Amino acid sequence: MADIPFSCSCGDIRGTLHSATPQGGNHVRCYCSACRAAALYTTGIDPENRGVELFQTTPDKISFQQGHSKLSVFSFTPRKLLRFRASCCGVQMFTMLPTPKFALAGIMTDCLEDCSAIGPVASEAFIPQDDGSTKHSSALKIYGGTIWRALVARVTGRWKQTPFFDIATGKPIAPVYVPSAEERATLPF
């Protein structure tokens, strides 16, 4: 198990991914249009057919040493996936569901200092097919592992150990910004 430092691109936000192992999470590459749109929205760079890499774990494995208050939150629709980004430099850092009760945190691997402890990409989601459909590789690892980790966090109470939500209210630590229709119109949905 390794503790891996992470930071935003300018270094104002710094923290640690604790006890990282390939078995303790899922190193995934996602090709969905929402992940692609989020990358383009936050960085101005379209990942196109390369996908977006993240490590799925639980929020209790993430701590901040500085800049926690510089996290902002956006979502393309009010009840969908929340995306936490650095308000200082704009880079997307985390993804999670809009409730702390389902303990899921995806950290963008570009933010990690070293990815060797999480192993290579173990699964892929929404892989584009020639006929326009999508498929997943290692779907059991993607969904089964995520549900299992969330269930264990729920039963043990670890779901309450989150730096992303105010547990008393169940709301994210910052207001959720929903990009306007004009902003979304430029994105690949």
N, C-alpha and C. Protein backbone atom coordinates (compact mmCIF):
# COMPACT_ATOMS: atom_id res chain seq x y z
N MET A 1 0.84 -1.19 0.00
CA MET A 1 0.00 0.00 0.00
C MET A 1 0.88 1.23 0.00
N ALA A 2 0.45 2.21 -0.77
CA ALA A 2 1.22 3.43 -0.89
C ALA A 2 0.34 4.65 -0.64
N ASP A 3 0.93 5.67 -0.09
CA ASP A 3 0.30 6.98 0.01
C ASP A 3 0.87 7.81 -1.13
N ILE A 4 -0.01 8.25 -2.02
CA ILE A 4 0.44 8.96 -3.23
C ILE A 4 0.03 10.43 -3.13
N PRO A 5 0.99 11.34 -3.19
CA PRO A 5 0.65 12.76 -3.22
C PRO A 5 -0.09 13.11 -4.52
N PHE A 6 -0.99 14.08 -4.43
CA PHE A 6 -1.65 14.61 -5.62
C PHE A 6 -1.68 16.13 -5.52
N SER A 7 -1.89 16.78 -6.66
CA SER A 7 -2.02 18.23 -6.67
C SER A 7 -2.74 18.68 -7.93
N CYS A 8 -3.24 19.89 -7.87
CA CYS A 8 -3.78 20.51 -9.08
C CYS A 8 -2.59 20.94 -9.93
N SER A 9 -2.82 21.44 -11.11
CA SER A 9 -1.70 21.74 -12.00
C SER A 9 -0.85 22.91 -11.52
N CYS A 10 -1.41 23.86 -10.77
CA CYS A 10 -0.60 24.98 -10.28
C CYS A 10 0.00 24.70 -8.91
N GLY A 11 -0.45 23.63 -8.23
CA GLY A 11 0.10 23.26 -6.93
C GLY A 11 -0.55 23.92 -5.73
N ASP A 12 -1.58 24.75 -5.94
CA ASP A 12 -2.24 25.39 -4.80
C ASP A 12 -3.05 24.39 -3.96
N ILE A 13 -3.55 23.33 -4.61
CA ILE A 13 -4.27 22.27 -3.89
C ILE A 13 -3.36 21.06 -3.84
N ARG A 14 -3.12 20.56 -2.63
CA ARG A 14 -2.26 19.39 -2.44
C ARG A 14 -2.90 18.44 -1.44
N GLY A 15 -2.71 17.17 -1.68
CA GLY A 15 -3.27 16.18 -0.78
C GLY A 15 -2.64 14.82 -0.98
N THR A 16 -3.28 13.80 -0.40
CA THR A 16 -2.74 12.45 -0.44
C THR A 16 -3.87 11.45 -0.71
N LEU A 17 -3.59 10.53 -1.62
CA LEU A 17 -4.43 9.35 -1.81
C LEU A 17 -3.80 8.27 -0.95
N HIS A 18 -4.51 7.83 0.08
CA HIS A 18 -3.97 6.90 1.07
C HIS A 18 -4.22 5.44 0.71
N SER A 19 -3.28 4.59 1.10
CA SER A 19 -3.40 3.13 0.98
C SER A 19 -3.80 2.70 -0.42
N ALA A 20 -3.15 3.27 -1.41
CA ALA A 20 -3.47 2.97 -2.81
C ALA A 20 -2.88 1.64 -3.24
N THR A 21 -3.74 0.78 -3.78
CA THR A 21 -3.32 -0.49 -4.36
C THR A 21 -4.27 -0.79 -5.52
N PRO A 22 -3.87 -1.63 -6.45
CA PRO A 22 -4.80 -2.02 -7.51
C PRO A 22 -6.05 -2.73 -6.95
N GLN A 23 -5.94 -3.42 -5.82
CA GLN A 23 -7.07 -4.11 -5.23
C GLN A 23 -7.98 -3.17 -4.44
N GLY A 24 -7.45 -2.04 -4.02
CA GLY A 24 -8.21 -1.09 -3.20
C GLY A 24 -9.01 -0.09 -4.00
N GLY A 25 -9.00 -0.25 -5.31
CA GLY A 25 -9.73 0.66 -6.18
C GLY A 25 -9.72 0.12 -7.59
N ASN A 26 -10.05 0.98 -8.52
CA ASN A 26 -10.10 0.57 -9.91
C ASN A 26 -9.49 1.65 -10.79
N HIS A 27 -8.42 1.32 -11.47
CA HIS A 27 -7.80 2.23 -12.44
C HIS A 27 -8.55 2.04 -13.75
N VAL A 28 -9.33 3.04 -14.11
CA VAL A 28 -10.23 2.91 -15.25
C VAL A 28 -9.96 4.00 -16.29
N ARG A 29 -10.21 3.64 -17.53
CA ARG A 29 -10.20 4.63 -18.62
C ARG A 29 -11.63 4.73 -19.11
N CYS A 30 -12.17 5.95 -19.12
CA CYS A 30 -13.57 6.15 -19.51
C CYS A 30 -13.63 6.95 -20.81
N TYR A 31 -14.47 6.47 -21.72
CA TYR A 31 -14.64 7.12 -23.02
C TYR A 31 -16.00 7.81 -23.13
N CYS A 32 -16.77 7.91 -22.07
CA CYS A 32 -18.11 8.47 -22.17
C CYS A 32 -18.06 9.93 -22.58
N SER A 33 -19.15 10.38 -23.18
CA SER A 33 -19.19 11.76 -23.67
C SER A 33 -19.12 12.77 -22.52
N ALA A 34 -19.65 12.42 -21.35
CA ALA A 34 -19.61 13.34 -20.21
C ALA A 34 -18.18 13.54 -19.69
N CYS A 35 -17.40 12.47 -19.62
CA CYS A 35 -16.00 12.60 -19.18
C CYS A 35 -15.20 13.39 -20.22
N ARG A 36 -15.45 13.10 -21.48
CA ARG A 36 -14.79 13.85 -22.55
C ARG A 36 -15.16 15.33 -22.48
N ALA A 37 -16.45 15.62 -22.29
CA ALA A 37 -16.92 17.00 -22.19
C ALA A 37 -16.31 17.70 -20.98
N ALA A 38 -16.21 16.99 -19.84
CA ALA A 38 -15.64 17.59 -18.63
C ALA A 38 -14.17 17.93 -18.83
N ALA A 39 -13.43 17.05 -19.50
CA ALA A 39 -12.01 17.34 -19.77
C ALA A 39 -11.89 18.56 -20.67
N LEU A 40 -12.70 18.63 -21.68
CA LEU A 40 -12.66 19.78 -22.60
C LEU A 40 -13.10 21.05 -21.88
N TYR A 41 -14.13 20.95 -21.06
CA TYR A 41 -14.65 22.11 -20.31
C TYR A 41 -13.61 22.66 -19.34
N THR A 42 -12.87 21.79 -18.66
CA THR A 42 -11.93 22.25 -17.63
C THR A 42 -10.55 22.59 -18.17
N THR A 43 -10.11 21.93 -19.22
CA THR A 43 -8.74 22.15 -19.70
C THR A 43 -8.67 22.80 -21.07
N GLY A 44 -9.77 22.72 -21.81
CA GLY A 44 -9.75 23.21 -23.19
C GLY A 44 -9.14 22.21 -24.15
N ILE A 45 -8.76 21.03 -23.64
CA ILE A 45 -8.14 19.99 -24.47
C ILE A 45 -9.12 18.84 -24.60
N ASP A 46 -9.42 18.46 -25.81
CA ASP A 46 -10.35 17.36 -26.08
C ASP A 46 -9.58 16.05 -26.10
N PRO A 47 -9.89 15.10 -25.18
CA PRO A 47 -9.19 13.81 -25.18
C PRO A 47 -9.57 12.93 -26.37
N GLU A 48 -10.62 13.31 -27.09
CA GLU A 48 -11.10 12.58 -28.26
C GLU A 48 -11.19 11.09 -27.99
N ASN A 49 -10.49 10.26 -28.77
CA ASN A 49 -10.62 8.81 -28.61
C ASN A 49 -9.63 8.20 -27.61
N ARG A 50 -8.92 9.02 -26.85
CA ARG A 50 -7.94 8.51 -25.88
C ARG A 50 -8.58 8.15 -24.53
N GLY A 51 -9.74 8.69 -24.26
CA GLY A 51 -10.39 8.44 -22.98
C GLY A 51 -9.79 9.27 -21.87
N VAL A 52 -10.39 9.18 -20.71
CA VAL A 52 -9.97 9.92 -19.52
C VAL A 52 -9.67 8.88 -18.44
N GLU A 53 -8.51 8.99 -17.79
CA GLU A 53 -8.13 8.02 -16.76
C GLU A 53 -8.41 8.54 -15.36
N LEU A 54 -8.97 7.64 -14.54
CA LEU A 54 -9.19 7.96 -13.14
C LEU A 54 -9.03 6.71 -12.30
N PHE A 55 -8.85 6.92 -11.01
CA PHE A 55 -8.75 5.82 -10.06
C PHE A 55 -9.96 5.92 -9.15
N GLN A 56 -10.83 4.91 -9.18
CA GLN A 56 -12.03 4.89 -8.36
C GLN A 56 -11.73 4.27 -7.01
N THR A 57 -12.07 5.00 -5.96
CA THR A 57 -11.86 4.54 -4.60
C THR A 57 -12.97 5.11 -3.73
N THR A 58 -12.74 5.22 -2.44
CA THR A 58 -13.72 5.82 -1.54
C THR A 58 -13.16 7.14 -0.99
N PRO A 59 -14.03 8.10 -0.66
CA PRO A 59 -13.57 9.42 -0.22
C PRO A 59 -12.71 9.41 1.04
N ASP A 60 -12.89 8.42 1.91
CA ASP A 60 -12.09 8.37 3.14
C ASP A 60 -10.62 8.10 2.86
N LYS A 61 -10.28 7.72 1.64
CA LYS A 61 -8.88 7.47 1.26
C LYS A 61 -8.19 8.75 0.78
N ILE A 62 -8.91 9.88 0.80
CA ILE A 62 -8.37 11.13 0.27
C ILE A 62 -8.31 12.17 1.37
N SER A 63 -7.15 12.81 1.51
CA SER A 63 -7.02 13.91 2.48
C SER A 63 -6.31 15.08 1.80
N PHE A 64 -6.52 16.25 2.36
CA PHE A 64 -5.92 17.47 1.80
C PHE A 64 -4.95 18.07 2.81
N GLN A 65 -3.79 18.48 2.32
CA GLN A 65 -2.82 19.16 3.16
C GLN A 65 -2.87 20.68 2.95
N GLN A 66 -3.34 21.11 1.78
CA GLN A 66 -3.50 22.55 1.53
C GLN A 66 -4.49 22.77 0.38
N GLY A 67 -5.13 23.93 0.43
CA GLY A 67 -5.97 24.35 -0.68
C GLY A 67 -7.35 23.72 -0.77
N HIS A 68 -7.78 22.99 0.24
CA HIS A 68 -9.09 22.33 0.22
C HIS A 68 -10.20 23.32 -0.12
N SER A 69 -10.10 24.54 0.39
CA SER A 69 -11.14 25.55 0.15
C SER A 69 -11.16 26.04 -1.29
N LYS A 70 -10.16 25.68 -2.08
CA LYS A 70 -10.11 26.09 -3.48
C LYS A 70 -10.80 25.11 -4.43
N LEU A 71 -11.42 24.07 -3.87
CA LEU A 71 -12.20 23.16 -4.71
C LEU A 71 -13.53 23.81 -5.07
N SER A 72 -13.91 23.71 -6.31
CA SER A 72 -15.24 24.12 -6.75
C SER A 72 -15.89 22.89 -7.38
N VAL A 73 -17.20 22.97 -7.58
CA VAL A 73 -17.96 21.80 -8.05
C VAL A 73 -18.82 22.20 -9.24
N PHE A 74 -18.82 21.35 -10.26
CA PHE A 74 -19.76 21.55 -11.35
C PHE A 74 -20.38 20.22 -11.73
N SER A 75 -21.51 20.32 -12.41
CA SER A 75 -22.21 19.15 -12.91
C SER A 75 -22.96 19.59 -14.16
N PHE A 76 -22.99 18.74 -15.16
CA PHE A 76 -23.69 19.11 -16.39
C PHE A 76 -25.20 19.12 -16.21
N THR A 77 -25.70 18.38 -15.24
CA THR A 77 -27.11 18.45 -14.86
C THR A 77 -27.17 18.33 -13.34
N PRO A 78 -28.16 18.96 -12.71
CA PRO A 78 -28.17 19.04 -11.24
C PRO A 78 -28.11 17.72 -10.48
N ARG A 79 -28.60 16.62 -11.04
CA ARG A 79 -28.64 15.37 -10.28
C ARG A 79 -27.68 14.32 -10.81
N LYS A 80 -26.70 14.73 -11.58
CA LYS A 80 -25.76 13.77 -12.17
C LYS A 80 -24.43 13.82 -11.42
N LEU A 81 -23.46 13.18 -12.00
CA LEU A 81 -22.12 13.11 -11.43
C LEU A 81 -21.58 14.50 -11.09
N LEU A 82 -21.00 14.62 -9.89
CA LEU A 82 -20.36 15.87 -9.49
C LEU A 82 -18.90 15.81 -9.90
N ARG A 83 -18.40 16.93 -10.36
CA ARG A 83 -17.01 17.03 -10.78
C ARG A 83 -16.36 18.16 -10.00
N PHE A 84 -15.36 17.80 -9.20
CA PHE A 84 -14.65 18.77 -8.37
C PHE A 84 -13.42 19.24 -9.13
N ARG A 85 -13.25 20.55 -9.21
CA ARG A 85 -12.13 21.11 -9.94
C ARG A 85 -11.43 22.15 -9.07
N ALA A 86 -10.22 22.47 -9.46
CA ALA A 86 -9.45 23.49 -8.75
C ALA A 86 -9.90 24.86 -9.24
N SER A 87 -10.37 25.71 -8.33
CA SER A 87 -10.78 27.05 -8.74
C SER A 87 -9.58 27.92 -9.11
N CYS A 88 -8.39 27.53 -8.66
CA CYS A 88 -7.18 28.29 -8.94
C CYS A 88 -6.72 28.13 -10.39
N CYS A 89 -6.65 26.90 -10.88
CA CYS A 89 -6.13 26.65 -12.23
C CYS A 89 -7.14 25.96 -13.14
N GLY A 90 -8.30 25.58 -12.60
CA GLY A 90 -9.38 25.03 -13.41
C GLY A 90 -9.36 23.55 -13.67
N VAL A 91 -8.29 22.85 -13.32
CA VAL A 91 -8.17 21.44 -13.66
C VAL A 91 -9.18 20.60 -12.87
N GLN A 92 -9.81 19.62 -13.55
CA GLN A 92 -10.70 18.68 -12.88
C GLN A 92 -9.85 17.71 -12.06
N MET A 93 -10.29 17.47 -10.82
CA MET A 93 -9.51 16.61 -9.94
C MET A 93 -10.27 15.35 -9.50
N PHE A 94 -11.58 15.46 -9.26
CA PHE A 94 -12.36 14.35 -8.69
C PHE A 94 -13.73 14.26 -9.34
N THR A 95 -14.29 13.05 -9.32
CA THR A 95 -15.68 12.83 -9.71
C THR A 95 -16.35 12.00 -8.63
N MET A 96 -17.63 12.23 -8.42
CA MET A 96 -18.39 11.41 -7.47
C MET A 96 -19.87 11.61 -7.66
N LEU A 97 -20.64 10.72 -7.06
CA LEU A 97 -22.08 10.80 -7.12
C LEU A 97 -22.56 11.97 -6.25
N PRO A 98 -23.78 12.47 -6.48
CA PRO A 98 -24.25 13.65 -5.75
C PRO A 98 -24.72 13.39 -4.32
N THR A 99 -24.36 12.26 -3.75
CA THR A 99 -24.69 11.96 -2.36
C THR A 99 -23.48 11.34 -1.66
N PRO A 100 -23.23 11.72 -0.43
CA PRO A 100 -22.11 11.09 0.30
C PRO A 100 -22.43 9.66 0.73
N LYS A 101 -23.69 9.28 0.72
CA LYS A 101 -24.09 7.96 1.22
C LYS A 101 -23.61 6.81 0.35
N PHE A 102 -23.34 7.08 -0.93
CA PHE A 102 -22.74 6.09 -1.81
C PHE A 102 -21.28 6.52 -1.98
N ALA A 103 -20.41 5.91 -1.18
CA ALA A 103 -19.01 6.35 -1.08
C ALA A 103 -18.22 6.00 -2.34
N LEU A 104 -18.13 6.94 -3.23
CA LEU A 104 -17.37 6.78 -4.47
C LEU A 104 -16.61 8.06 -4.74
N ALA A 105 -15.33 7.94 -4.98
CA ALA A 105 -14.52 9.09 -5.39
C ALA A 105 -13.59 8.62 -6.49
N GLY A 106 -13.65 9.30 -7.61
CA GLY A 106 -12.71 9.04 -8.68
C GLY A 106 -11.71 10.18 -8.72
N ILE A 107 -10.44 9.87 -8.61
CA ILE A 107 -9.41 10.90 -8.70
C ILE A 107 -8.78 10.81 -10.09
N MET A 108 -8.67 11.93 -10.75
CA MET A 108 -8.07 11.97 -12.08
C MET A 108 -6.59 11.60 -11.94
N THR A 109 -6.13 10.63 -12.70
CA THR A 109 -4.76 10.15 -12.53
C THR A 109 -3.73 11.20 -12.93
N ASP A 110 -4.12 12.17 -13.76
CA ASP A 110 -3.19 13.26 -14.10
C ASP A 110 -2.78 14.06 -12.87
N CYS A 111 -3.58 14.02 -11.82
CA CYS A 111 -3.28 14.77 -10.59
C CYS A 111 -2.33 14.01 -9.67
N LEU A 112 -2.18 12.71 -9.88
CA LEU A 112 -1.33 11.89 -9.01
C LEU A 112 0.14 12.08 -9.35
N GLU A 113 0.97 12.13 -8.32
CA GLU A 113 2.41 12.28 -8.52
C GLU A 113 3.02 11.04 -9.17
N ASP A 114 2.49 9.87 -8.81
CA ASP A 114 3.02 8.60 -9.32
C ASP A 114 1.89 7.58 -9.38
N CYS A 115 1.68 7.00 -10.52
CA CYS A 115 0.57 6.04 -10.70
C CYS A 115 1.01 4.59 -10.54
N SER A 116 2.26 4.33 -10.25
CA SER A 116 2.72 2.94 -10.22
C SER A 116 2.01 2.11 -9.14
N ALA A 117 1.64 2.70 -8.01
CA ALA A 117 1.00 1.94 -6.94
C ALA A 117 -0.42 1.51 -7.28
N ILE A 118 -1.08 2.21 -8.21
CA ILE A 118 -2.45 1.83 -8.57
C ILE A 118 -2.48 0.85 -9.73
N GLY A 119 -1.33 0.57 -10.31
CA GLY A 119 -1.23 -0.40 -11.39
C GLY A 119 -1.72 0.17 -12.71
N PRO A 120 -1.66 -0.63 -13.75
CA PRO A 120 -2.10 -0.18 -15.07
C PRO A 120 -3.63 -0.09 -15.13
N VAL A 121 -4.15 0.50 -16.19
CA VAL A 121 -5.59 0.54 -16.41
C VAL A 121 -6.11 -0.89 -16.37
N ALA A 122 -7.10 -1.13 -15.51
CA ALA A 122 -7.64 -2.48 -15.31
C ALA A 122 -8.98 -2.68 -16.00
N SER A 123 -9.64 -1.60 -16.35
CA SER A 123 -10.93 -1.70 -17.03
C SER A 123 -11.19 -0.44 -17.83
N GLU A 124 -12.07 -0.58 -18.80
CA GLU A 124 -12.44 0.55 -19.64
C GLU A 124 -13.95 0.63 -19.72
N ALA A 125 -14.46 1.85 -19.74
CA ALA A 125 -15.90 2.07 -19.77
C ALA A 125 -16.30 2.85 -21.02
N PHE A 126 -17.44 2.47 -21.57
CA PHE A 126 -18.02 3.15 -22.72
C PHE A 126 -17.08 3.20 -23.93
N ILE A 127 -16.46 2.07 -24.22
CA ILE A 127 -15.54 1.97 -25.35
C ILE A 127 -16.37 2.09 -26.64
N PRO A 128 -16.06 3.07 -27.50
CA PRO A 128 -16.83 3.24 -28.73
C PRO A 128 -16.65 2.04 -29.67
N GLN A 129 -17.76 1.63 -30.29
CA GLN A 129 -17.75 0.52 -31.25
C GLN A 129 -18.05 1.08 -32.64
N ASP A 130 -17.68 0.34 -33.66
CA ASP A 130 -17.87 0.77 -35.04
C ASP A 130 -19.33 1.06 -35.38
N ASP A 131 -20.26 0.36 -34.72
CA ASP A 131 -21.67 0.54 -35.04
C ASP A 131 -22.32 1.69 -34.25
N GLY A 132 -21.51 2.43 -33.48
CA GLY A 132 -22.03 3.56 -32.71
C GLY A 132 -22.40 3.22 -31.28
N SER A 133 -22.41 1.94 -30.95
CA SER A 133 -22.71 1.53 -29.57
C SER A 133 -21.44 1.64 -28.73
N THR A 134 -21.56 1.32 -27.45
CA THR A 134 -20.41 1.29 -26.55
C THR A 134 -20.42 -0.02 -25.78
N LYS A 135 -19.27 -0.38 -25.23
CA LYS A 135 -19.18 -1.57 -24.37
C LYS A 135 -18.16 -1.29 -23.27
N HIS A 136 -18.12 -2.18 -22.30
CA HIS A 136 -17.18 -2.06 -21.18
C HIS A 136 -16.25 -3.27 -21.20
N SER A 137 -15.02 -3.07 -20.76
CA SER A 137 -14.14 -4.22 -20.50
C SER A 137 -14.05 -4.34 -18.99
N SER A 138 -14.10 -5.54 -18.49
CA SER A 138 -14.05 -5.79 -17.04
C SER A 138 -15.17 -5.07 -16.31
N ALA A 139 -16.38 -5.21 -16.80
CA ALA A 139 -17.54 -4.54 -16.21
C ALA A 139 -17.74 -4.93 -14.75
N LEU A 140 -17.46 -6.18 -14.41
CA LEU A 140 -17.61 -6.61 -13.02
C LEU A 140 -16.69 -5.81 -12.11
N LYS A 141 -15.47 -5.58 -12.56
CA LYS A 141 -14.52 -4.78 -11.77
C LYS A 141 -15.01 -3.34 -11.63
N ILE A 142 -15.52 -2.79 -12.73
CA ILE A 142 -16.00 -1.41 -12.69
C ILE A 142 -17.17 -1.28 -11.72
N TYR A 143 -18.21 -2.06 -11.94
CA TYR A 143 -19.44 -1.90 -11.16
C TYR A 143 -19.43 -2.70 -9.86
N GLY A 144 -19.00 -3.95 -9.93
CA GLY A 144 -18.98 -4.77 -8.73
C GLY A 144 -18.04 -4.22 -7.66
N GLY A 145 -16.83 -3.83 -8.07
CA GLY A 145 -15.87 -3.28 -7.12
C GLY A 145 -16.35 -1.98 -6.51
N THR A 146 -16.95 -1.13 -7.34
CA THR A 146 -17.46 0.15 -6.85
C THR A 146 -18.59 -0.07 -5.84
N ILE A 147 -19.51 -0.94 -6.17
CA ILE A 147 -20.63 -1.22 -5.26
C ILE A 147 -20.13 -1.86 -3.98
N TRP A 148 -19.20 -2.79 -4.08
CA TRP A 148 -18.65 -3.46 -2.88
C TRP A 148 -17.97 -2.45 -1.97
N ARG A 149 -17.08 -1.61 -2.52
CA ARG A 149 -16.38 -0.62 -1.69
C ARG A 149 -17.38 0.34 -1.03
N ALA A 150 -18.40 0.77 -1.78
CA ALA A 150 -19.41 1.68 -1.22
C ALA A 150 -20.21 1.00 -0.12
N LEU A 151 -20.54 -0.28 -0.31
CA LEU A 151 -21.29 -1.03 0.70
C LEU A 151 -20.49 -1.18 1.98
N VAL A 152 -19.22 -1.53 1.85
CA VAL A 152 -18.36 -1.66 3.04
C VAL A 152 -18.25 -0.31 3.76
N ALA A 153 -18.08 0.77 3.00
CA ALA A 153 -17.98 2.10 3.61
C ALA A 153 -19.28 2.47 4.32
N ARG A 154 -20.39 2.07 3.75
CA ARG A 154 -21.69 2.37 4.35
C ARG A 154 -21.87 1.60 5.66
N VAL A 155 -21.57 0.31 5.64
CA VAL A 155 -21.75 -0.54 6.83
C VAL A 155 -20.81 -0.11 7.96
N THR A 156 -19.58 0.23 7.62
CA THR A 156 -18.59 0.60 8.65
C THR A 156 -18.69 2.06 9.09
N GLY A 157 -19.47 2.86 8.36
CA GLY A 157 -19.57 4.28 8.69
C GLY A 157 -18.49 5.14 8.05
N ARG A 158 -17.60 4.52 7.27
CA ARG A 158 -16.52 5.29 6.64
C ARG A 158 -17.05 6.29 5.61
N TRP A 159 -18.28 6.10 5.12
CA TRP A 159 -18.85 7.03 4.15
C TRP A 159 -18.93 8.44 4.71
N LYS A 160 -18.97 8.56 6.05
CA LYS A 160 -19.04 9.88 6.69
C LYS A 160 -17.69 10.60 6.70
N GLN A 161 -16.62 9.87 6.40
CA GLN A 161 -15.27 10.46 6.38
C GLN A 161 -14.97 10.96 4.97
N THR A 162 -15.57 12.06 4.62
CA THR A 162 -15.41 12.60 3.28
C THR A 162 -15.01 14.07 3.32
N PRO A 163 -14.00 14.45 2.58
CA PRO A 163 -13.65 15.86 2.49
C PRO A 163 -14.47 16.61 1.44
N PHE A 164 -15.43 15.93 0.81
CA PHE A 164 -16.17 16.51 -0.31
C PHE A 164 -17.60 16.95 0.03
N PHE A 165 -18.13 16.46 1.16
CA PHE A 165 -19.50 16.78 1.55
C PHE A 165 -19.56 17.23 2.99
N ASP A 166 -20.55 18.06 3.31
CA ASP A 166 -20.91 18.37 4.68
C ASP A 166 -21.90 17.28 5.08
N ILE A 167 -21.50 16.40 5.94
CA ILE A 167 -22.34 15.24 6.29
C ILE A 167 -23.64 15.67 6.96
N ALA A 168 -23.63 16.73 7.74
CA ALA A 168 -24.84 17.18 8.42
C ALA A 168 -25.94 17.56 7.43
N THR A 169 -25.56 18.17 6.31
CA THR A 169 -26.55 18.61 5.32
C THR A 169 -26.63 17.68 4.12
N GLY A 170 -25.59 16.87 3.90
CA GLY A 170 -25.53 16.00 2.73
C GLY A 170 -25.19 16.75 1.46
N LYS A 171 -24.77 18.01 1.59
CA LYS A 171 -24.46 18.83 0.41
C LYS A 171 -22.95 18.89 0.18
N PRO A 172 -22.56 19.09 -1.09
CA PRO A 172 -21.12 19.25 -1.39
C PRO A 172 -20.54 20.46 -0.67
N ILE A 173 -19.23 20.48 -0.51
CA ILE A 173 -18.55 21.54 0.24
C ILE A 173 -18.59 22.90 -0.46
N ALA A 174 -18.99 22.92 -1.71
CA ALA A 174 -19.12 24.17 -2.46
C ALA A 174 -20.40 24.09 -3.28
N PRO A 175 -20.98 25.24 -3.63
CA PRO A 175 -22.19 25.20 -4.47
C PRO A 175 -21.90 24.53 -5.81
N VAL A 176 -22.89 23.80 -6.31
CA VAL A 176 -22.73 23.09 -7.58
C VAL A 176 -23.09 24.06 -8.72
N TYR A 177 -22.13 24.29 -9.59
CA TYR A 177 -22.35 25.13 -10.76
C TYR A 177 -22.80 24.24 -11.93
N VAL A 178 -23.88 24.62 -12.58
CA VAL A 178 -24.35 23.90 -13.76
C VAL A 178 -24.05 24.80 -14.96
N PRO A 179 -23.14 24.39 -15.85
CA PRO A 179 -22.82 25.22 -17.01
C PRO A 179 -24.07 25.55 -17.82
N SER A 180 -24.09 26.75 -18.36
CA SER A 180 -25.24 27.22 -19.13
C SER A 180 -25.39 26.41 -20.42
N ALA A 181 -26.55 26.55 -21.03
CA ALA A 181 -26.81 25.87 -22.31
C ALA A 181 -25.80 26.32 -23.36
N GLU A 182 -25.41 27.58 -23.31
CA GLU A 182 -24.41 28.09 -24.26
C GLU A 182 -23.05 27.43 -24.03
N GLU A 183 -22.66 27.26 -22.78
CA GLU A 183 -21.39 26.60 -22.48
C GLU A 183 -21.43 25.14 -22.91
N ARG A 184 -22.54 24.46 -22.64
CA ARG A 184 -22.67 23.04 -23.00
C ARG A 184 -22.75 22.83 -24.50
N ALA A 185 -23.24 23.82 -25.22
CA ALA A 185 -23.41 23.69 -26.67
C ALA A 185 -22.08 23.48 -27.40
N THR A 186 -20.98 23.88 -26.78
CA THR A 186 -19.67 23.74 -27.41
C THR A 186 -19.00 22.41 -27.07
N LEU A 187 -19.67 21.60 -26.26
CA LEU A 187 -19.07 20.35 -25.77
C LEU A 187 -19.61 19.14 -26.52
N PRO A 188 -18.82 18.06 -26.58
CA PRO A 188 -19.20 16.87 -27.36
C PRO A 188 -20.16 15.92 -26.64
N PHE A 189 -21.42 16.30 -26.53
CA PHE A 189 -22.43 15.41 -25.94
C PHE A 189 -23.14 14.65 -27.01
